[in-house]
Amino acid sequence: MTTDHNSLVWLCNELIYCLNIKHMLTPVYHPAANLVEQQNRDLKTQLAIFIEEEHGTWDVKLPSIRFAMSYTPAYLTFARELRTPDDNADDFKQIVQSENLIPEITPKLLMLANTLLKAREISEVNEERRKEVADKIKSTVVRNAWSMQSLT
């Protein structure tokens, strides 16, 4: 149990005594003592990194840091929490039905189809060039063979 050392400390002392709880004291400001102080320590570190040399702008940048601290990096990147393998193993069919995957997949499929079409066109152009070069070489070899044959 963590208290803020306020005027209700007598109530906490009575509760501790009645329930026979071992009472351990910590300093008032001790970051390892409670979660709020740990978050404040992290907030100060991130704020110092974010404001760099602009010390007068900390109050403007504070809301964005608090927002970032409240969410996972995955949520900040993808605007949703990532599913764990356990989530997928439980009921994959329901996940597919409940999430609207078509709007996400359709543009990717169209982009893939366009890419494959461009690749096919480039491949055909390159094949045509190779054929032209091979035909030139072949015709040169045949002409040279005829000219050598006529010399003999």
N, C-alpha and C. Protein backbone atom coordinates (compact mmCIF):
# COMPACT_ATOMS: atom_id res chain seq x y z
N MET A 1 0.85 -1.16 0.00
CA MET A 1 0.00 0.00 0.00
C MET A 1 0.90 1.23 0.00
N THR A 2 0.59 2.18 -0.87
CA THR A 2 1.36 3.41 -0.96
C THR A 2 0.47 4.56 -0.52
N THR A 3 1.01 5.41 0.33
CA THR A 3 0.25 6.59 0.75
C THR A 3 1.02 7.83 0.34
N ASP A 4 0.32 8.96 0.37
CA ASP A 4 0.96 10.21 -0.02
C ASP A 4 1.38 11.04 1.19
N HIS A 5 1.45 10.45 2.36
CA HIS A 5 1.89 11.12 3.59
C HIS A 5 1.04 12.35 3.90
N ASN A 6 -0.26 12.24 3.68
CA ASN A 6 -1.13 13.37 3.97
C ASN A 6 -1.78 13.23 5.34
N SER A 7 -2.85 13.98 5.54
CA SER A 7 -3.49 14.01 6.86
C SER A 7 -4.21 12.72 7.21
N LEU A 8 -4.43 11.83 6.24
CA LEU A 8 -5.12 10.57 6.53
C LEU A 8 -4.16 9.45 6.90
N VAL A 9 -2.93 9.80 7.21
CA VAL A 9 -1.95 8.78 7.56
C VAL A 9 -2.37 8.01 8.81
N TRP A 10 -3.09 8.66 9.72
CA TRP A 10 -3.56 7.96 10.93
C TRP A 10 -4.51 6.83 10.56
N LEU A 11 -5.35 7.03 9.50
CA LEU A 11 -6.27 6.00 9.07
C LEU A 11 -5.51 4.80 8.51
N CYS A 12 -4.49 5.08 7.75
CA CYS A 12 -3.65 4.00 7.21
C CYS A 12 -2.96 3.25 8.33
N ASN A 13 -2.48 3.97 9.32
CA ASN A 13 -1.82 3.32 10.46
C ASN A 13 -2.78 2.41 11.20
N GLU A 14 -4.01 2.84 11.39
CA GLU A 14 -5.02 2.01 12.05
C GLU A 14 -5.31 0.75 11.23
N LEU A 15 -5.44 0.92 9.92
CA LEU A 15 -5.70 -0.21 9.03
C LEU A 15 -4.55 -1.21 9.07
N ILE A 16 -3.36 -0.71 9.04
CA ILE A 16 -2.18 -1.57 9.10
C ILE A 16 -2.15 -2.35 10.41
N TYR A 17 -2.47 -1.68 11.48
CA TYR A 17 -2.46 -2.32 12.79
C TYR A 17 -3.56 -3.37 12.88
N CYS A 18 -4.78 -3.04 12.43
CA CYS A 18 -5.92 -3.95 12.54
C CYS A 18 -5.74 -5.20 11.67
N LEU A 19 -5.15 -5.04 10.51
CA LEU A 19 -4.98 -6.17 9.60
C LEU A 19 -3.65 -6.89 9.77
N ASN A 20 -2.86 -6.41 10.73
CA ASN A 20 -1.57 -7.01 11.05
C ASN A 20 -0.66 -7.05 9.81
N ILE A 21 -0.56 -5.91 9.15
CA ILE A 21 0.26 -5.77 7.95
C ILE A 21 1.62 -5.23 8.35
N LYS A 22 2.67 -5.77 7.74
CA LYS A 22 4.01 -5.26 7.99
C LYS A 22 4.16 -3.94 7.24
N HIS A 23 4.49 -2.89 7.95
CA HIS A 23 4.57 -1.55 7.38
C HIS A 23 6.01 -1.24 7.01
N MET A 24 6.22 -0.92 5.73
CA MET A 24 7.56 -0.56 5.27
C MET A 24 7.50 0.86 4.73
N LEU A 25 8.39 1.70 5.18
CA LEU A 25 8.39 3.10 4.79
C LEU A 25 9.36 3.34 3.64
N THR A 26 9.01 4.27 2.79
CA THR A 26 9.88 4.70 1.70
C THR A 26 9.95 6.21 1.72
N PRO A 27 10.98 6.79 1.12
CA PRO A 27 11.04 8.25 1.05
C PRO A 27 9.86 8.81 0.26
N VAL A 28 9.54 10.07 0.50
CA VAL A 28 8.40 10.69 -0.18
C VAL A 28 8.60 10.65 -1.69
N TYR A 29 9.76 11.07 -2.17
CA TYR A 29 10.03 11.06 -3.61
C TYR A 29 11.02 9.95 -3.90
N HIS A 30 10.51 8.81 -4.26
CA HIS A 30 11.37 7.67 -4.58
C HIS A 30 10.78 6.99 -5.81
N PRO A 31 11.41 7.16 -6.97
CA PRO A 31 10.83 6.66 -8.22
C PRO A 31 10.50 5.17 -8.23
N ALA A 32 11.24 4.37 -7.52
CA ALA A 32 10.96 2.94 -7.52
C ALA A 32 9.80 2.58 -6.60
N ALA A 33 9.32 3.54 -5.82
CA ALA A 33 8.29 3.24 -4.83
C ALA A 33 6.91 3.05 -5.45
N ASN A 34 6.59 3.81 -6.47
CA ASN A 34 5.26 3.64 -7.06
C ASN A 34 5.29 3.96 -8.55
N LEU A 35 4.25 3.55 -9.22
CA LEU A 35 4.17 3.66 -10.67
C LEU A 35 4.13 5.11 -11.15
N VAL A 36 3.46 5.98 -10.40
CA VAL A 36 3.37 7.38 -10.81
C VAL A 36 4.74 8.01 -10.88
N GLU A 37 5.56 7.76 -9.88
CA GLU A 37 6.91 8.33 -9.88
C GLU A 37 7.76 7.73 -11.00
N GLN A 38 7.56 6.45 -11.32
CA GLN A 38 8.29 5.85 -12.44
C GLN A 38 7.88 6.50 -13.75
N GLN A 39 6.58 6.75 -13.92
CA GLN A 39 6.12 7.40 -15.14
C GLN A 39 6.62 8.84 -15.22
N ASN A 40 6.66 9.53 -14.08
CA ASN A 40 7.20 10.90 -14.07
C ASN A 40 8.67 10.91 -14.46
N ARG A 41 9.42 9.93 -13.98
CA ARG A 41 10.84 9.83 -14.35
C ARG A 41 10.99 9.62 -15.85
N ASP A 42 10.19 8.70 -16.41
CA ASP A 42 10.22 8.46 -17.85
C ASP A 42 9.79 9.70 -18.63
N LEU A 43 8.78 10.38 -18.12
CA LEU A 43 8.28 11.59 -18.77
C LEU A 43 9.36 12.66 -18.82
N LYS A 44 10.07 12.84 -17.72
CA LYS A 44 11.13 13.85 -17.68
C LYS A 44 12.24 13.51 -18.68
N THR A 45 12.60 12.25 -18.77
CA THR A 45 13.64 11.83 -19.71
C THR A 45 13.21 12.07 -21.15
N GLN A 46 11.99 11.65 -21.49
CA GLN A 46 11.51 11.82 -22.86
C GLN A 46 11.32 13.29 -23.20
N LEU A 47 10.86 14.07 -22.24
CA LEU A 47 10.68 15.51 -22.46
C LEU A 47 12.03 16.19 -22.71
N ALA A 48 13.04 15.80 -21.95
CA ALA A 48 14.37 16.38 -22.14
C ALA A 48 14.92 16.04 -23.53
N ILE A 49 14.69 14.82 -23.98
CA ILE A 49 15.16 14.42 -25.32
C ILE A 49 14.39 15.17 -26.40
N PHE A 50 13.08 15.32 -26.21
CA PHE A 50 12.22 15.91 -27.23
C PHE A 50 12.44 17.41 -27.39
N ILE A 51 12.64 18.13 -26.28
CA ILE A 51 12.76 19.59 -26.39
C ILE A 51 14.17 20.03 -26.75
N GLU A 52 15.15 19.19 -26.51
CA GLU A 52 16.56 19.47 -26.79
C GLU A 52 16.95 20.81 -26.18
N GLU A 53 17.28 21.79 -27.00
CA GLU A 53 17.75 23.09 -26.50
C GLU A 53 16.61 24.11 -26.35
N GLU A 54 15.41 23.75 -26.75
CA GLU A 54 14.27 24.68 -26.71
C GLU A 54 13.53 24.52 -25.38
N HIS A 55 14.12 24.96 -24.30
CA HIS A 55 13.56 24.73 -22.97
C HIS A 55 12.25 25.48 -22.74
N GLY A 56 11.98 26.51 -23.49
CA GLY A 56 10.75 27.27 -23.31
C GLY A 56 9.53 26.62 -23.94
N THR A 57 9.72 25.52 -24.68
CA THR A 57 8.60 24.89 -25.39
C THR A 57 8.13 23.59 -24.75
N TRP A 58 8.58 23.29 -23.56
CA TRP A 58 8.22 22.01 -22.95
C TRP A 58 6.72 21.87 -22.75
N ASP A 59 6.04 22.96 -22.40
CA ASP A 59 4.60 22.88 -22.14
C ASP A 59 3.81 22.63 -23.42
N VAL A 60 4.33 23.08 -24.55
CA VAL A 60 3.67 22.85 -25.84
C VAL A 60 3.84 21.39 -26.27
N LYS A 61 5.00 20.83 -25.99
CA LYS A 61 5.31 19.47 -26.44
C LYS A 61 4.85 18.39 -25.46
N LEU A 62 4.45 18.78 -24.28
CA LEU A 62 4.03 17.82 -23.26
C LEU A 62 2.86 16.94 -23.70
N PRO A 63 1.78 17.49 -24.30
CA PRO A 63 0.67 16.61 -24.70
C PRO A 63 1.06 15.51 -25.68
N SER A 64 1.93 15.82 -26.64
CA SER A 64 2.32 14.79 -27.60
C SER A 64 3.14 13.69 -26.94
N ILE A 65 3.95 14.05 -25.97
CA ILE A 65 4.73 13.04 -25.25
C ILE A 65 3.81 12.18 -24.40
N ARG A 66 2.84 12.79 -23.73
CA ARG A 66 1.90 12.02 -22.92
C ARG A 66 1.09 11.06 -23.81
N PHE A 67 0.72 11.54 -25.00
CA PHE A 67 0.00 10.67 -25.93
C PHE A 67 0.86 9.49 -26.32
N ALA A 68 2.10 9.76 -26.66
CA ALA A 68 3.01 8.69 -27.09
C ALA A 68 3.27 7.70 -25.96
N MET A 69 3.31 8.17 -24.73
CA MET A 69 3.57 7.28 -23.59
C MET A 69 2.37 6.41 -23.27
N SER A 70 1.19 6.82 -23.69
CA SER A 70 -0.02 6.07 -23.36
C SER A 70 -0.28 4.91 -24.30
N TYR A 71 0.44 4.86 -25.42
CA TYR A 71 0.19 3.84 -26.42
C TYR A 71 1.47 3.10 -26.78
N THR A 72 1.29 1.91 -27.29
CA THR A 72 2.45 1.13 -27.72
C THR A 72 2.97 1.67 -29.04
N PRO A 73 4.23 1.40 -29.36
CA PRO A 73 4.75 1.83 -30.67
C PRO A 73 3.94 1.25 -31.83
N ALA A 74 3.43 0.04 -31.67
CA ALA A 74 2.62 -0.56 -32.74
C ALA A 74 1.35 0.25 -32.97
N TYR A 75 0.71 0.69 -31.90
CA TYR A 75 -0.51 1.49 -32.05
C TYR A 75 -0.20 2.83 -32.71
N LEU A 76 0.90 3.45 -32.32
CA LEU A 76 1.26 4.73 -32.91
C LEU A 76 1.63 4.59 -34.38
N THR A 77 2.15 3.43 -34.77
CA THR A 77 2.53 3.20 -36.17
C THR A 77 1.35 2.77 -37.03
N PHE A 78 0.56 1.80 -36.54
CA PHE A 78 -0.48 1.19 -37.36
C PHE A 78 -1.90 1.61 -36.98
N ALA A 79 -2.06 2.45 -35.96
CA ALA A 79 -3.36 2.92 -35.47
C ALA A 79 -4.23 1.78 -34.95
N ARG A 80 -3.61 0.71 -34.53
CA ARG A 80 -4.30 -0.39 -33.86
C ARG A 80 -3.26 -1.25 -33.17
N GLU A 81 -3.70 -1.99 -32.18
CA GLU A 81 -2.78 -2.89 -31.50
C GLU A 81 -2.57 -4.14 -32.36
N LEU A 82 -1.37 -4.65 -32.36
CA LEU A 82 -1.08 -5.86 -33.11
C LEU A 82 -1.65 -7.07 -32.38
N ARG A 83 -2.03 -8.06 -33.15
CA ARG A 83 -2.53 -9.30 -32.56
C ARG A 83 -1.35 -10.20 -32.22
N THR A 84 -1.48 -10.89 -31.12
CA THR A 84 -0.46 -11.85 -30.73
C THR A 84 -0.82 -13.21 -31.34
N PRO A 85 0.12 -14.14 -31.37
CA PRO A 85 -0.22 -15.48 -31.86
C PRO A 85 -1.37 -16.11 -31.07
N ASP A 86 -1.45 -15.81 -29.78
CA ASP A 86 -2.56 -16.34 -28.99
C ASP A 86 -3.89 -15.80 -29.48
N ASP A 87 -3.93 -14.51 -29.83
CA ASP A 87 -5.17 -13.92 -30.36
C ASP A 87 -5.59 -14.63 -31.63
N ASN A 88 -4.63 -14.90 -32.51
CA ASN A 88 -4.94 -15.55 -33.78
C ASN A 88 -5.36 -17.00 -33.59
N ALA A 89 -4.75 -17.68 -32.65
CA ALA A 89 -5.05 -19.10 -32.43
C ALA A 89 -6.44 -19.29 -31.84
N ASP A 90 -6.90 -18.32 -31.06
CA ASP A 90 -8.20 -18.48 -30.40
C ASP A 90 -9.34 -18.56 -31.41
N ASP A 91 -9.47 -17.56 -32.25
CA ASP A 91 -10.58 -17.57 -33.19
C ASP A 91 -10.23 -16.75 -34.43
N PHE A 92 -9.48 -17.35 -35.33
CA PHE A 92 -9.02 -16.63 -36.52
C PHE A 92 -10.19 -16.29 -37.44
N LYS A 93 -11.17 -17.17 -37.53
CA LYS A 93 -12.31 -16.93 -38.41
C LYS A 93 -13.06 -15.67 -37.98
N GLN A 94 -13.25 -15.50 -36.69
CA GLN A 94 -13.96 -14.32 -36.19
C GLN A 94 -13.15 -13.05 -36.48
N ILE A 95 -11.83 -13.12 -36.36
CA ILE A 95 -10.99 -11.96 -36.65
C ILE A 95 -11.16 -11.54 -38.10
N VAL A 96 -11.15 -12.51 -39.00
CA VAL A 96 -11.29 -12.21 -40.43
C VAL A 96 -12.66 -11.62 -40.71
N GLN A 97 -13.70 -12.16 -40.07
CA GLN A 97 -15.06 -11.66 -40.31
C GLN A 97 -15.28 -10.30 -39.67
N SER A 98 -14.70 -10.06 -38.51
CA SER A 98 -14.97 -8.81 -37.80
C SER A 98 -14.17 -7.64 -38.36
N GLU A 99 -13.02 -7.89 -38.92
CA GLU A 99 -12.20 -6.81 -39.46
C GLU A 99 -12.46 -6.67 -40.95
N ASN A 100 -12.56 -5.44 -41.38
CA ASN A 100 -12.80 -5.17 -42.79
C ASN A 100 -11.46 -5.16 -43.52
N LEU A 101 -11.06 -6.31 -44.03
CA LEU A 101 -9.75 -6.44 -44.66
C LEU A 101 -9.77 -6.03 -46.13
N ILE A 102 -10.94 -6.03 -46.76
CA ILE A 102 -11.02 -5.74 -48.20
C ILE A 102 -10.47 -4.36 -48.54
N PRO A 103 -10.86 -3.28 -47.84
CA PRO A 103 -10.29 -1.97 -48.20
C PRO A 103 -8.78 -1.91 -48.05
N GLU A 104 -8.23 -2.70 -47.14
CA GLU A 104 -6.78 -2.70 -46.95
C GLU A 104 -6.08 -3.52 -48.04
N ILE A 105 -6.69 -4.62 -48.44
CA ILE A 105 -6.04 -5.54 -49.37
C ILE A 105 -6.21 -5.09 -50.83
N THR A 106 -7.38 -4.56 -51.18
CA THR A 106 -7.66 -4.21 -52.57
C THR A 106 -6.62 -3.29 -53.19
N PRO A 107 -6.24 -2.17 -52.55
CA PRO A 107 -5.20 -1.33 -53.16
C PRO A 107 -3.87 -2.06 -53.35
N LYS A 108 -3.54 -2.92 -52.41
CA LYS A 108 -2.28 -3.68 -52.52
C LYS A 108 -2.35 -4.65 -53.70
N LEU A 109 -3.50 -5.31 -53.87
CA LEU A 109 -3.65 -6.23 -54.99
C LEU A 109 -3.60 -5.49 -56.32
N LEU A 110 -4.23 -4.31 -56.39
CA LEU A 110 -4.17 -3.52 -57.62
C LEU A 110 -2.75 -3.08 -57.93
N MET A 111 -2.03 -2.68 -56.89
CA MET A 111 -0.64 -2.27 -57.08
C MET A 111 0.20 -3.46 -57.55
N LEU A 112 -0.05 -4.63 -56.97
CA LEU A 112 0.66 -5.84 -57.38
C LEU A 112 0.35 -6.19 -58.83
N ALA A 113 -0.92 -6.08 -59.22
CA ALA A 113 -1.31 -6.38 -60.61
C ALA A 113 -0.64 -5.41 -61.57
N ASN A 114 -0.60 -4.12 -61.22
CA ASN A 114 0.07 -3.13 -62.07
C ASN A 114 1.57 -3.41 -62.18
N THR A 115 2.17 -3.79 -61.08
CA THR A 115 3.60 -4.10 -61.08
C THR A 115 3.89 -5.31 -61.97
N LEU A 116 3.06 -6.35 -61.85
CA LEU A 116 3.25 -7.53 -62.69
C LEU A 116 3.05 -7.19 -64.17
N LEU A 117 2.08 -6.33 -64.48
CA LEU A 117 1.86 -5.91 -65.86
C LEU A 117 3.06 -5.16 -66.42
N LYS A 118 3.61 -4.24 -65.62
CA LYS A 118 4.80 -3.50 -66.04
C LYS A 118 5.98 -4.44 -66.23
N ALA A 119 6.13 -5.40 -65.32
CA ALA A 119 7.23 -6.36 -65.42
C ALA A 119 7.10 -7.19 -66.70
N ARG A 120 5.88 -7.59 -67.04
CA ARG A 120 5.66 -8.37 -68.26
C ARG A 120 6.00 -7.53 -69.49
N GLU A 121 5.57 -6.25 -69.50
CA GLU A 121 5.87 -5.37 -70.63
C GLU A 121 7.37 -5.18 -70.79
N ILE A 122 8.06 -4.94 -69.68
CA ILE A 122 9.52 -4.75 -69.73
C ILE A 122 10.20 -6.02 -70.21
N SER A 123 9.72 -7.17 -69.74
CA SER A 123 10.29 -8.44 -70.16
C SER A 123 10.10 -8.66 -71.67
N GLU A 124 8.91 -8.32 -72.18
CA GLU A 124 8.65 -8.48 -73.61
C GLU A 124 9.53 -7.55 -74.44
N VAL A 125 9.71 -6.31 -73.98
CA VAL A 125 10.58 -5.36 -74.69
C VAL A 125 12.01 -5.87 -74.70
N ASN A 126 12.49 -6.34 -73.55
CA ASN A 126 13.85 -6.88 -73.48
C ASN A 126 14.02 -8.11 -74.36
N GLU A 127 13.00 -8.96 -74.39
CA GLU A 127 13.06 -10.16 -75.23
C GLU A 127 13.12 -9.77 -76.71
N GLU A 128 12.33 -8.76 -77.09
CA GLU A 128 12.35 -8.28 -78.48
C GLU A 128 13.72 -7.73 -78.85
N ARG A 129 14.34 -6.97 -77.93
CA ARG A 129 15.68 -6.44 -78.18
C ARG A 129 16.69 -7.57 -78.35
N ARG A 130 16.63 -8.56 -77.45
CA ARG A 130 17.55 -9.69 -77.55
C ARG A 130 17.37 -10.42 -78.88
N LYS A 131 16.10 -10.56 -79.31
CA LYS A 131 15.82 -11.23 -80.58
C LYS A 131 16.41 -10.44 -81.75
N GLU A 132 16.25 -9.12 -81.71
CA GLU A 132 16.81 -8.28 -82.79
C GLU A 132 18.33 -8.41 -82.84
N VAL A 133 18.97 -8.37 -81.67
CA VAL A 133 20.43 -8.50 -81.62
C VAL A 133 20.84 -9.87 -82.12
N ALA A 134 20.13 -10.91 -81.70
CA ALA A 134 20.46 -12.27 -82.13
C ALA A 134 20.26 -12.42 -83.64
N ASP A 135 19.18 -11.81 -84.17
CA ASP A 135 18.93 -11.88 -85.62
C ASP A 135 20.04 -11.18 -86.39
N LYS A 136 20.50 -10.02 -85.90
CA LYS A 136 21.59 -9.31 -86.57
C LYS A 136 22.86 -10.15 -86.58
N ILE A 137 23.16 -10.74 -85.44
CA ILE A 137 24.36 -11.58 -85.35
C ILE A 137 24.23 -12.78 -86.29
N LYS A 138 23.05 -13.39 -86.30
CA LYS A 138 22.82 -14.56 -87.15
C LYS A 138 22.95 -14.19 -88.63
N SER A 139 22.35 -13.08 -89.01
CA SER A 139 22.43 -12.68 -90.43
C SER A 139 23.86 -12.34 -90.81
N THR A 140 24.61 -11.73 -89.90
CA THR A 140 26.01 -11.42 -90.17
C THR A 140 26.81 -12.70 -90.34
N VAL A 141 26.58 -13.67 -89.49
CA VAL A 141 27.29 -14.95 -89.57
C VAL A 141 26.94 -15.66 -90.87
N VAL A 142 25.66 -15.65 -91.24
CA VAL A 142 25.23 -16.32 -92.47
C VAL A 142 25.86 -15.64 -93.68
N ARG A 143 25.85 -14.29 -93.72
CA ARG A 143 26.46 -13.56 -94.84
C ARG A 143 27.95 -13.86 -94.92
N ASN A 144 28.59 -13.88 -93.76
CA ASN A 144 30.03 -14.18 -93.75
C ASN A 144 30.29 -15.60 -94.23
N ALA A 145 29.42 -16.52 -93.85
CA ALA A 145 29.58 -17.90 -94.30
C ALA A 145 29.41 -17.99 -95.80
N TRP A 146 28.43 -17.28 -96.38
CA TRP A 146 28.21 -17.27 -97.83
C TRP A 146 29.38 -16.63 -98.55
N SER A 147 29.86 -15.54 -97.97
CA SER A 147 30.98 -14.87 -98.64
C SER A 147 32.23 -15.73 -98.59
N MET A 148 32.45 -16.44 -97.52
CA MET A 148 33.62 -17.32 -97.43
C MET A 148 33.46 -18.51 -98.36
N GLN A 149 32.23 -18.98 -98.51
CA GLN A 149 31.98 -20.12 -99.38
C GLN A 149 32.19 -19.73 -100.84
N SER A 150 31.78 -18.52 -101.15
CA SER A 150 31.94 -18.09 -102.54
C SER A 150 33.40 -17.83 -102.89
N LEU A 151 34.22 -17.53 -101.90
CA LEU A 151 35.64 -17.31 -102.14
C LEU A 151 36.36 -18.61 -102.44
N THR A 152 35.88 -19.68 -101.96
CA THR A 152 36.57 -20.95 -102.16
C THR A 152 36.20 -21.63 -103.41
